[in-house]
Protein backbone atom coordinates (compact mmCIF):
# COMPACT_ATOMS: atom_id res chain seq x y z
CA MET A 1 153.78 89.21 90.51
CA ILE A 2 152.99 89.03 94.10
CA THR A 3 156.72 89.30 94.71
CA GLU A 4 157.35 92.58 92.80
CA ILE A 5 154.41 94.26 94.78
CA ALA A 6 155.11 92.85 98.16
CA GLU A 7 158.57 93.05 98.56
CA PRO A 8 159.00 96.60 98.26
CA LEU A 9 156.28 97.38 100.60
CA PHE A 10 157.66 94.95 103.30
CA GLN A 11 161.55 95.77 102.91
CA GLY A 12 160.34 99.13 104.23
CA PHE A 13 159.43 98.07 107.32
CA ASP A 14 162.06 95.31 107.80
CA ALA A 15 159.73 92.36 108.02
CA ASN A 16 159.95 88.77 107.17
CA VAL A 17 157.54 87.76 104.76
CA GLU A 18 156.36 84.04 103.59
CA ILE A 19 154.08 83.89 100.25
CA HIS A 20 152.28 80.58 100.14
CA PRO A 21 150.46 80.20 96.54
CA ALA A 22 147.17 78.36 97.00
CA MET A 23 144.65 76.58 94.08
CA ASN A 24 141.39 78.01 93.62
CA LEU A 25 138.51 75.46 92.47
CA GLU A 26 139.11 76.19 89.06
CA ASP A 27 142.64 75.21 89.36
CA LEU A 28 141.65 72.04 91.66
CA LYS A 29 139.40 70.76 89.09
CA SER A 30 142.32 70.95 86.45
CA ALA A 31 144.73 69.59 88.54
CA ILE A 32 142.31 66.48 89.26
CA SER A 33 141.64 66.04 85.69
CA LYS A 34 145.05 65.99 84.59
CA PHE A 35 145.82 63.08 87.30
CA GLN A 36 143.20 61.12 86.55
CA LYS A 37 144.31 60.78 82.48
CA LEU A 38 147.86 60.35 83.66
CA SER A 39 146.96 57.49 85.85
CA LYS A 40 144.64 56.01 83.01
CA SER A 41 147.72 55.94 80.63
């Protein structure tokens, strides 16, 4: 969804844009839990 919003805006300025997704705390906790479960199996 970020691309759909940002791309038309920055194309008008002929800009180069890099977007880097990041995890919030809830995402990180979920990922750690999943890795722990995988490492036990």
